[in-house]
Amino acid sequence: MQDRPAPLTIQGVPRRWLLSHDFSLVWWGQVVSQVGDGISKLALVWFVYSVTGSPLKTSIIGLLQTVPAIVLAPLIGVAVDRLPKKTLLILSDLVRALVIGLIPCWMPVDTFTVSALYVLVTLHAMATAVFGPALTASIPSLVAPAQYTSANALLQVTTSLGIIMGPALSGLGIAALSSQEVLCLNAATYVISAACFIPIRFAPSVSSGASQSLASTWRDVVEGFYYVVRGRPLVLFLTATASLYTFATAAFTTLFPVFARKLLDLGPVEVGYLWSMLGIGLLSVSVVLTTISAWSVKRRLKIIAMASAASGVALLGLVWASRPAAAAGLLILLGGGLGVLTPVAWGVLQEVTPAQLLGRVLGFYTMGAMGAAMGGITFFGWVTGEYGVPISISVIGLVMVGTGLWTGHFLGRMTERSLAYVVQQPVEGEGDTCQS
């Protein structure tokens, strides 16, 4: 490969659209499954809201999607570091296909209650809680280090495609069929995703230690927590920033059908199309982010600060948007702002974290973000019910502006040299196992 000419390179890595053959298989599988996710998310929320008419009960869907990621995150991180990632990814997809796709098809309509749906959502969330960290931790074995942020951004492209296409298809499906039948269609998307992982050869697990007893598992959990809290300031900062960020964004995305229905008096088809506007903004910024892998850490963090502030301004403007066209434009801007944090933060974490700790670091990162998401969903569900949609959206917007100011304050205290030191210096106790 060294003898092959490469006209365009990033730090010596040949450019290609999907970075590597194995990554391209992952990418296409995620395109299909993310569209399925977009279909099911609106169907789930719409089913509960149409049956109960309660914003608070509707927000329970969001809570059930986050609780497993919070409770199980430390153990999932250990599993990702110890077990073959290929096995974890395939099994997670198959479980999701079963519980969110096939089971609703088998259940009679009269027994398919909100309570039954809550159980299925919980099982689906448990599988998703494993899938996310396993996929993110597998990126270093699929692409070169200089491509980490690009790979994360390309995976976010699949998420944006799901947001663009999924809700619109879901809205049409709900109108033509039913929420239950729409969920049935989602099973095939997860099966396709699982099939795409089969031919890929992942790097073997680098977690050391022959013993996998309960005591050793606890030691691994403590080691990962210690690294997040005391290992590198940048890791703790990104984890805290993600928590503040998702406190606001998870509430907005979970309650969006309620917001759209109350503010603009829209039906399921119109809500689906409007929700797709978030995906357009997310897609646009994800494509742009594929070009910044070689940027310095400080420049990438500046993007997070500006995007968070812009998202907050867009949310504040949404309160005054009386027409769907104006709301659509603001949602495109909001989607672009929301799409910055995850690929940038994950790319930095993948760069600075030793391979044998990456699963646990991502687990604690996810636990903090999902814990904040649960708090945000609960809090803003209550605010919406008590004080109305405009107040709720305004407060969410102020939190996003605060996230941007928090990031800017951190950058103001950190020089380029200190950030480089944080990225490059090994922490005490890593030994010779850290490869990059």
Protein backbone atom coordinates (compact mmCIF):
# COMPACT_ATOMS: atom_id res chain seq x y z
CA MET A 1 0.00 0.00 0.00
CA GLN A 2 2.95 2.31 0.64
CA ASP A 3 4.00 2.06 -3.03
CA ARG A 4 0.59 3.07 -4.38
CA PRO A 5 0.37 6.76 -5.30
CA ALA A 6 -2.27 8.74 -3.47
CA PRO A 7 -3.01 12.12 -5.02
CA LEU A 8 -5.00 13.37 -2.02
CA THR A 9 -4.02 12.52 1.53
CA ILE A 10 -4.71 13.54 5.11
CA GLN A 11 -1.54 13.13 7.16
CA GLY A 12 -0.39 10.42 4.75
CA VAL A 13 -3.74 8.58 4.64
CA PRO A 14 -5.25 8.20 1.13
CA ARG A 15 -8.59 9.94 0.69
CA ARG A 16 -11.63 7.93 -0.28
CA TRP A 17 -15.27 8.75 0.32
CA LEU A 18 -16.00 5.99 2.84
CA LEU A 19 -12.42 5.81 4.16
CA SER A 20 -11.95 1.99 3.96
CA HIS A 21 -13.66 -1.11 2.59
CA ASP A 22 -14.70 -2.37 6.02
CA PHE A 23 -15.96 1.04 7.08
CA SER A 24 -18.03 1.27 3.90
CA LEU A 25 -19.87 -1.94 4.88
CA VAL A 26 -20.60 -0.47 8.30
CA TRP A 27 -21.76 2.77 6.73
CA TRP A 28 -24.26 1.21 4.33
CA GLY A 29 -25.64 -1.00 7.08
CA GLN A 30 -26.15 2.03 9.29
CA VAL A 31 -27.90 3.93 6.50
CA VAL A 32 -30.57 1.23 6.42
CA SER A 33 -30.91 0.81 10.19
CA GLN A 34 -30.94 4.55 10.89
CA VAL A 35 -33.80 5.05 8.44
CA GLY A 36 -35.59 2.30 10.35
CA ASP A 37 -34.85 4.09 13.61
CA GLY A 38 -36.28 7.30 12.20
CA ILE A 39 -39.43 5.46 11.21
CA SER A 40 -39.90 3.83 14.60
CA LYS A 41 -39.14 6.89 16.76
CA LEU A 42 -42.05 8.92 15.47
CA ALA A 43 -44.32 5.84 15.48
CA LEU A 44 -43.48 5.16 19.14
CA VAL A 45 -44.07 8.71 20.32
CA TRP A 46 -47.18 9.19 18.21
CA PHE A 47 -48.71 5.92 19.45
CA VAL A 48 -48.35 6.92 23.09
CA TYR A 49 -49.50 10.51 22.60
CA SER A 50 -52.52 9.48 20.50
CA VAL A 51 -53.61 7.00 23.18
CA THR A 52 -52.89 9.04 26.32
CA GLY A 53 -52.93 12.68 25.18
CA SER A 54 -50.33 13.37 27.88
CA PRO A 55 -46.97 15.08 27.21
CA LEU A 56 -45.61 13.64 30.45
CA LYS A 57 -46.60 10.05 29.57
CA THR A 58 -45.20 10.60 26.09
CA SER A 59 -41.89 11.63 27.61
CA ILE A 60 -41.71 8.22 29.33
CA ILE A 61 -40.67 6.80 25.95
CA GLY A 62 -37.58 8.98 26.09
CA LEU A 63 -36.90 7.95 29.67
CA LEU A 64 -37.10 4.25 28.85
CA GLN A 65 -34.71 4.80 25.96
CA THR A 66 -32.13 6.34 28.29
CA VAL A 67 -32.38 4.38 31.58
CA PRO A 68 -30.56 1.23 30.34
CA ALA A 69 -27.70 3.33 28.96
CA ILE A 70 -27.31 4.95 32.37
CA VAL A 71 -27.65 1.89 34.61
CA LEU A 72 -25.67 -0.51 32.45
CA ALA A 73 -23.05 1.88 31.03
CA PRO A 74 -20.11 0.86 33.28
CA LEU A 75 -20.68 -2.86 32.64
CA ILE A 76 -21.23 -2.26 28.93
CA GLY A 77 -17.92 -0.42 28.80
CA VAL A 78 -16.13 -3.39 30.35
CA ALA A 79 -17.87 -5.76 27.92
CA VAL A 80 -16.84 -3.62 24.93
CA ASP A 81 -13.21 -3.65 26.11
CA ARG A 82 -13.21 -7.41 26.79
CA LEU A 83 -15.48 -9.06 24.21
CA PRO A 84 -15.31 -9.25 20.40
CA LYS A 85 -16.97 -6.13 19.06
CA LYS A 86 -18.27 -7.95 15.99
CA THR A 87 -20.28 -10.34 18.17
CA LEU A 88 -21.69 -7.50 20.27
CA LEU A 89 -22.76 -5.53 17.20
CA ILE A 90 -24.48 -8.42 15.45
CA LEU A 91 -26.31 -9.64 18.55
CA SER A 92 -27.46 -6.13 19.41
CA ASP A 93 -28.95 -5.65 15.94
CA LEU A 94 -30.75 -9.00 16.05
CA VAL A 95 -32.23 -8.29 19.47
CA ARG A 96 -33.49 -4.93 18.27
CA ALA A 97 -35.03 -6.54 15.19
CA LEU A 98 -36.89 -8.99 17.43
CA VAL A 99 -38.27 -6.68 20.10
CA ILE A 100 -39.15 -3.54 18.10
CA GLY A 101 -40.09 -5.18 14.81
CA LEU A 102 -41.23 -8.77 15.07
CA ILE A 103 -42.96 -8.78 18.45
CA PRO A 104 -45.42 -5.99 17.57
CA CYS A 105 -46.35 -8.00 14.48
CA TRP A 106 -47.23 -11.03 16.61
CA MET A 107 -49.21 -9.16 19.27
CA PRO A 108 -52.97 -8.76 18.69
CA VAL A 109 -54.10 -5.17 18.33
CA ASP A 110 -56.26 -5.31 21.45
CA THR A 111 -53.32 -6.43 23.62
CA PHE A 112 -50.80 -4.02 22.14
CA THR A 113 -51.13 -1.50 24.95
CA VAL A 114 -48.97 1.39 26.04
CA SER A 115 -47.60 -0.76 28.87
CA ALA A 116 -46.56 -3.48 26.43
CA LEU A 117 -44.90 -0.88 24.26
CA TYR A 118 -42.96 0.43 27.27
CA VAL A 119 -41.56 -3.08 27.86
CA LEU A 120 -40.47 -3.44 24.23
CA VAL A 121 -38.86 0.01 24.25
CA THR A 122 -36.87 -0.93 27.36
CA LEU A 123 -35.52 -4.12 25.76
CA HIS A 124 -34.73 -2.23 22.58
CA ALA A 125 -32.89 0.41 24.60
CA MET A 126 -30.77 -2.25 26.34
CA ALA A 127 -29.58 -3.58 22.99
CA THR A 128 -28.97 -0.06 21.70
CA ALA A 129 -26.97 0.76 24.84
CA VAL A 130 -24.57 -2.02 23.87
CA PHE A 131 -24.52 -1.25 20.15
CA GLY A 132 -23.55 2.44 20.39
CA PRO A 133 -20.32 2.14 22.43
CA ALA A 134 -19.33 -1.04 20.58
CA LEU A 135 -19.63 0.71 17.21
CA THR A 136 -17.79 3.84 18.35
CA ALA A 137 -15.01 1.79 19.98
CA SER A 138 -14.59 -0.19 16.76
CA ILE A 139 -13.73 2.90 14.68
CA PRO A 140 -9.98 2.74 15.50
CA SER A 141 -9.86 -0.77 14.00
CA LEU A 142 -11.65 0.33 10.82
CA VAL A 143 -9.86 3.57 9.86
CA ALA A 144 -6.57 5.37 10.46
CA PRO A 145 -6.19 7.80 13.41
CA ALA A 146 -6.26 10.83 11.12
CA GLN A 147 -9.73 9.73 9.97
CA TYR A 148 -11.47 9.32 13.34
CA THR A 149 -13.48 12.54 13.22
CA SER A 150 -14.31 11.93 9.56
CA ALA A 151 -15.54 8.42 10.35
CA ASN A 152 -17.71 9.68 13.20
CA ALA A 153 -19.11 12.41 10.97
CA LEU A 154 -19.88 9.91 8.22
CA LEU A 155 -21.74 7.74 10.72
CA GLN A 156 -23.66 10.83 11.73
CA VAL A 157 -24.55 11.27 8.07
CA THR A 158 -26.43 7.97 8.36
CA THR A 159 -28.23 9.35 11.42
CA SER A 160 -29.21 12.47 9.50
CA LEU A 161 -30.49 10.39 6.58
CA GLY A 162 -32.59 8.48 9.08
CA ILE A 163 -33.98 11.73 10.47
CA ILE A 164 -34.70 13.07 6.98
CA MET A 165 -36.32 9.96 5.53
CA GLY A 166 -37.55 8.04 8.57
CA PRO A 167 -40.09 10.46 10.09
CA ALA A 168 -41.57 11.35 6.71
CA LEU A 169 -42.01 7.67 5.86
CA SER A 170 -43.32 7.05 9.36
CA GLY A 171 -45.87 9.85 9.10
CA LEU A 172 -47.14 8.44 5.81
CA GLY A 173 -47.20 4.95 7.29
CA ILE A 174 -49.11 6.04 10.40
CA ALA A 175 -51.66 7.84 8.26
CA ALA A 176 -52.09 4.93 5.84
CA LEU A 177 -51.67 1.99 8.24
CA SER A 178 -51.08 2.26 12.00
CA SER A 179 -48.27 2.86 14.47
CA GLN A 180 -48.09 -0.87 15.20
CA GLU A 181 -47.70 -1.87 11.55
CA VAL A 182 -45.06 0.80 11.02
CA LEU A 183 -43.00 -0.74 13.86
CA CYS A 184 -43.24 -4.15 12.19
CA LEU A 185 -41.43 -2.85 9.12
CA ASN A 186 -38.41 -1.88 11.19
CA ALA A 187 -37.25 -5.45 11.85
CA ALA A 188 -35.75 -5.86 8.37
CA THR A 189 -33.54 -2.80 8.74
CA TYR A 190 -31.76 -4.22 11.80
CA VAL A 191 -31.28 -7.60 10.11
CA ILE A 192 -29.61 -5.87 7.15
CA SER A 193 -27.35 -3.94 9.52
CA ALA A 194 -26.32 -7.16 11.28
CA ALA A 195 -25.53 -8.82 7.94
CA CYS A 196 -23.17 -5.99 6.99
CA PHE A 197 -20.94 -6.75 10.00
CA ILE A 198 -20.45 -10.42 9.10
CA PRO A 199 -17.62 -10.06 6.50
CA ILE A 200 -15.71 -7.44 8.50
CA ARG A 201 -12.54 -8.47 10.34
CA PHE A 202 -12.30 -6.38 13.50
CA ALA A 203 -9.09 -5.97 15.47
CA PRO A 204 -8.96 -8.31 18.48
CA SER A 205 -9.78 -6.98 21.91
CA VAL A 206 -6.80 -5.36 23.63
CA SER A 207 -8.18 -5.64 27.15
CA SER A 208 -5.73 -7.50 29.31
CA GLY A 209 -6.34 -9.80 32.22
CA ALA A 210 -7.22 -13.46 31.98
CA SER A 211 -9.56 -13.34 34.94
CA GLN A 212 -13.08 -12.14 34.24
CA SER A 213 -14.53 -12.61 37.71
CA LEU A 214 -16.92 -10.22 39.42
CA ALA A 215 -13.99 -8.71 41.34
CA SER A 216 -11.99 -8.12 38.17
CA THR A 217 -15.04 -6.59 36.49
CA TRP A 218 -15.40 -4.17 39.38
CA ARG A 219 -11.69 -3.29 39.14
CA ASP A 220 -12.13 -2.59 35.44
CA VAL A 221 -15.11 -0.33 36.15
CA VAL A 222 -13.14 1.61 38.78
CA GLU A 223 -10.15 1.90 36.45
CA GLY A 224 -12.35 3.39 33.73
CA PHE A 225 -14.01 5.82 36.14
CA TYR A 226 -10.63 6.92 37.51
CA TYR A 227 -9.37 7.60 34.00
CA VAL A 228 -12.39 9.76 33.15
CA VAL A 229 -12.19 11.77 36.38
CA ARG A 230 -8.44 11.97 36.91
CA GLY A 231 -6.77 10.83 33.71
CA ARG A 232 -7.02 13.81 31.39
CA PRO A 233 -8.92 17.08 31.94
CA LEU A 234 -10.11 17.07 28.34
CA VAL A 235 -11.94 13.74 28.81
CA LEU A 236 -13.82 15.02 31.87
CA PHE A 237 -14.62 18.30 30.10
CA LEU A 238 -16.09 16.52 27.07
CA THR A 239 -18.15 14.23 29.30
CA ALA A 240 -19.53 17.18 31.27
CA THR A 241 -20.24 19.16 28.10
CA ALA A 242 -22.11 16.23 26.55
CA SER A 243 -24.22 15.98 29.70
CA LEU A 244 -25.21 19.64 29.59
CA TYR A 245 -25.83 19.40 25.85
CA THR A 246 -28.10 16.35 26.01
CA PHE A 247 -30.04 17.73 28.98
CA ALA A 248 -31.56 20.15 26.49
CA THR A 249 -31.47 18.34 23.15
CA ALA A 250 -32.96 15.04 24.34
CA ALA A 251 -35.96 16.86 25.77
CA PHE A 252 -36.53 18.75 22.54
CA THR A 253 -36.27 15.74 20.24
CA THR A 254 -38.44 13.56 22.50
CA LEU A 255 -41.18 16.15 22.87
CA PHE A 256 -40.92 17.54 19.35
CA PRO A 257 -44.23 16.01 18.13
CA VAL A 258 -45.93 17.64 21.11
CA PHE A 259 -44.25 20.99 20.37
CA ALA A 260 -45.19 20.88 16.69
CA ARG A 261 -48.76 19.90 17.41
CA LYS A 262 -49.27 22.59 20.07
CA LEU A 263 -47.40 25.44 18.36
CA LEU A 264 -48.38 24.83 14.74
CA ASP A 265 -51.40 22.50 15.00
CA LEU A 266 -49.88 19.89 12.68
CA GLY A 267 -50.88 16.29 12.00
CA PRO A 268 -48.57 13.23 11.80
CA VAL A 269 -47.61 13.69 8.14
CA GLU A 270 -46.75 17.38 8.60
CA VAL A 271 -44.86 16.64 11.83
CA GLY A 272 -42.87 13.95 10.02
CA TYR A 273 -41.87 16.32 7.25
CA LEU A 274 -40.99 19.09 9.70
CA TRP A 275 -38.90 16.71 11.80
CA SER A 276 -37.02 15.82 8.62
CA MET A 277 -35.74 19.40 8.51
CA LEU A 278 -33.58 18.59 11.53
CA GLY A 279 -32.02 15.83 9.45
CA ILE A 280 -31.22 18.18 6.59
CA GLY A 281 -29.25 20.44 8.93
CA LEU A 282 -27.60 17.44 10.56
CA LEU A 283 -26.64 16.00 7.18
CA SER A 284 -25.14 19.28 5.97
CA VAL A 285 -22.93 19.78 9.01
CA SER A 286 -21.91 16.11 9.08
CA VAL A 287 -20.57 16.35 5.55
CA VAL A 288 -18.62 19.47 6.50
CA LEU A 289 -17.18 17.77 9.59
CA THR A 290 -15.58 15.04 7.47
CA THR A 291 -12.95 17.62 6.48
CA ILE A 292 -11.73 18.65 9.95
CA SER A 293 -9.98 15.52 11.26
CA ALA A 294 -6.59 17.18 10.93
CA TRP A 295 -7.64 20.33 12.75
CA SER A 296 -6.20 21.10 16.16
CA VAL A 297 -8.20 20.20 19.26
CA LYS A 298 -8.75 23.86 20.10
CA ARG A 299 -10.21 24.64 16.68
CA ARG A 300 -12.56 21.67 16.94
CA LEU A 301 -13.73 22.75 20.40
CA LYS A 302 -14.42 26.24 19.07
CA ILE A 303 -16.83 24.68 16.61
CA ILE A 304 -18.70 23.05 19.51
CA ALA A 305 -18.99 26.41 21.28
CA MET A 306 -20.32 28.26 18.24
CA ALA A 307 -22.71 25.47 17.23
CA SER A 308 -24.23 25.23 20.71
CA ALA A 309 -24.85 28.97 20.85
CA ALA A 310 -26.38 28.96 17.35
CA SER A 311 -28.68 26.08 18.33
CA GLY A 312 -29.90 28.04 21.34
CA VAL A 313 -30.67 31.08 19.20
CA ALA A 314 -32.58 28.89 16.72
CA LEU A 315 -34.69 27.44 19.54
CA LEU A 316 -35.52 30.89 20.88
CA GLY A 317 -36.56 31.91 17.38
CA LEU A 318 -38.75 28.82 17.07
CA VAL A 319 -41.02 30.15 19.80
CA TRP A 320 -41.98 33.05 17.53
CA ALA A 321 -42.30 31.00 14.32
CA SER A 322 -45.99 31.06 13.42
CA ARG A 323 -45.65 29.39 10.03
CA PRO A 324 -44.32 25.93 9.16
CA ALA A 325 -41.93 27.40 6.56
CA ALA A 326 -40.23 29.60 9.16
CA ALA A 327 -40.11 26.70 11.62
CA ALA A 328 -38.55 24.50 8.92
CA GLY A 329 -35.73 27.01 8.34
CA LEU A 330 -34.99 27.26 12.05
CA LEU A 331 -35.02 23.48 12.41
CA ILE A 332 -32.44 23.16 9.62
CA LEU A 333 -30.21 25.58 11.53
CA LEU A 334 -30.90 23.72 14.76
CA GLY A 335 -30.10 20.36 13.18
CA GLY A 336 -26.77 21.72 11.99
CA GLY A 337 -25.93 22.94 15.48
CA LEU A 338 -26.97 19.68 17.12
CA GLY A 339 -24.77 17.70 14.75
CA VAL A 340 -21.44 19.12 15.86
CA LEU A 341 -20.77 17.78 19.35
CA THR A 342 -20.92 14.01 18.89
CA PRO A 343 -18.49 13.42 15.99
CA VAL A 344 -16.02 16.00 17.27
CA ALA A 345 -16.09 14.77 20.87
CA TRP A 346 -15.88 11.10 19.89
CA GLY A 347 -13.00 11.81 17.53
CA VAL A 348 -11.04 13.51 20.32
CA LEU A 349 -11.82 10.70 22.79
CA GLN A 350 -10.69 8.09 20.27
CA GLU A 351 -7.42 10.00 19.84
CA VAL A 352 -6.57 10.51 23.50
CA THR A 353 -7.87 7.31 25.13
CA PRO A 354 -5.76 4.12 25.25
CA ALA A 355 -7.39 1.34 23.22
CA GLN A 356 -7.83 -0.93 26.26
CA LEU A 357 -9.86 1.78 28.04
CA LEU A 358 -11.90 3.19 25.17
CA GLY A 359 -15.02 1.11 25.81
CA ARG A 360 -15.17 2.15 29.45
CA VAL A 361 -14.51 5.82 28.68
CA LEU A 362 -17.32 5.78 26.11
CA GLY A 363 -19.50 3.99 28.63
CA PHE A 364 -19.07 6.69 31.26
CA TYR A 365 -19.41 9.39 28.60
CA THR A 366 -22.72 7.79 27.57
CA MET A 367 -23.83 7.39 31.18
CA GLY A 368 -23.31 11.09 31.88
CA ALA A 369 -25.03 12.16 28.67
CA MET A 370 -27.96 9.80 29.10
CA GLY A 371 -28.37 10.64 32.76
CA ALA A 372 -28.63 14.29 31.83
CA ALA A 373 -31.00 13.38 28.99
CA MET A 374 -33.31 11.59 31.41
CA GLY A 375 -33.28 14.58 33.71
CA GLY A 376 -33.97 16.93 30.81
CA ILE A 377 -36.84 14.84 29.45
CA THR A 378 -38.46 14.64 32.88
CA PHE A 379 -37.93 18.30 33.69
CA PHE A 380 -39.07 19.69 30.35
CA GLY A 381 -41.98 17.26 30.16
CA TRP A 382 -43.17 18.75 33.44
CA VAL A 383 -42.45 22.33 32.32
CA THR A 384 -44.42 21.76 29.11
CA GLY A 385 -47.40 20.43 31.01
CA GLU A 386 -47.34 23.16 33.67
CA TYR A 387 -46.22 26.28 31.79
CA GLY A 388 -46.76 25.49 28.13
CA VAL A 389 -44.67 24.89 25.03
CA PRO A 390 -43.21 28.43 24.51
CA ILE A 391 -41.69 28.54 28.00
CA SER A 392 -40.28 25.02 27.65
CA ILE A 393 -38.61 25.71 24.30
CA SER A 394 -37.22 29.03 25.55
CA VAL A 395 -35.55 27.39 28.54
CA ILE A 396 -34.11 24.65 26.31
CA GLY A 397 -32.67 27.38 24.08
CA LEU A 398 -31.07 29.15 27.04
CA VAL A 399 -29.42 25.88 28.14
CA MET A 400 -27.92 25.48 24.66
CA VAL A 401 -26.57 29.04 24.75
CA GLY A 402 -25.11 28.25 28.17
CA THR A 403 -23.38 25.18 26.75
CA GLY A 404 -21.67 27.36 24.16
CA LEU A 405 -20.56 29.84 26.82
CA TRP A 406 -19.26 26.98 29.01
CA THR A 407 -17.15 25.65 26.15
CA GLY A 408 -15.85 29.10 25.34
CA HIS A 409 -14.86 29.61 28.98
CA PHE A 410 -12.93 26.33 28.96
CA LEU A 411 -11.11 27.33 25.78
CA GLY A 412 -10.27 30.71 27.26
CA ARG A 413 -8.40 28.96 30.08
CA MET A 414 -6.62 26.43 27.85
CA THR A 415 -3.82 27.37 25.47
CA GLU A 416 -3.02 25.41 22.32
CA ARG A 417 0.08 24.06 24.05
CA SER A 418 -1.83 22.85 27.11
CA LEU A 419 -4.43 21.14 24.90
CA ALA A 420 -1.68 19.43 22.94
CA TYR A 421 -0.14 18.30 26.23
CA VAL A 422 -3.47 16.89 27.35
CA VAL A 423 -3.79 14.94 24.11
CA GLN A 424 -0.25 13.60 23.91
CA GLN A 425 0.85 12.84 27.45
CA PRO A 426 0.23 9.33 28.83
CA VAL A 427 -1.36 9.06 32.23
CA GLU A 428 0.39 7.31 35.05
CA GLY A 429 -0.23 3.59 35.05
CA GLU A 430 -0.92 3.13 31.32
CA GLY A 431 2.41 1.42 30.80
CA ASP A 432 3.36 0.21 27.36
CA THR A 433 -0.09 -0.95 26.30
CA CYS A 434 -1.14 2.38 24.84
CA GLN A 435 -0.51 2.10 21.12
CA SER A 436 -1.53 5.55 19.91
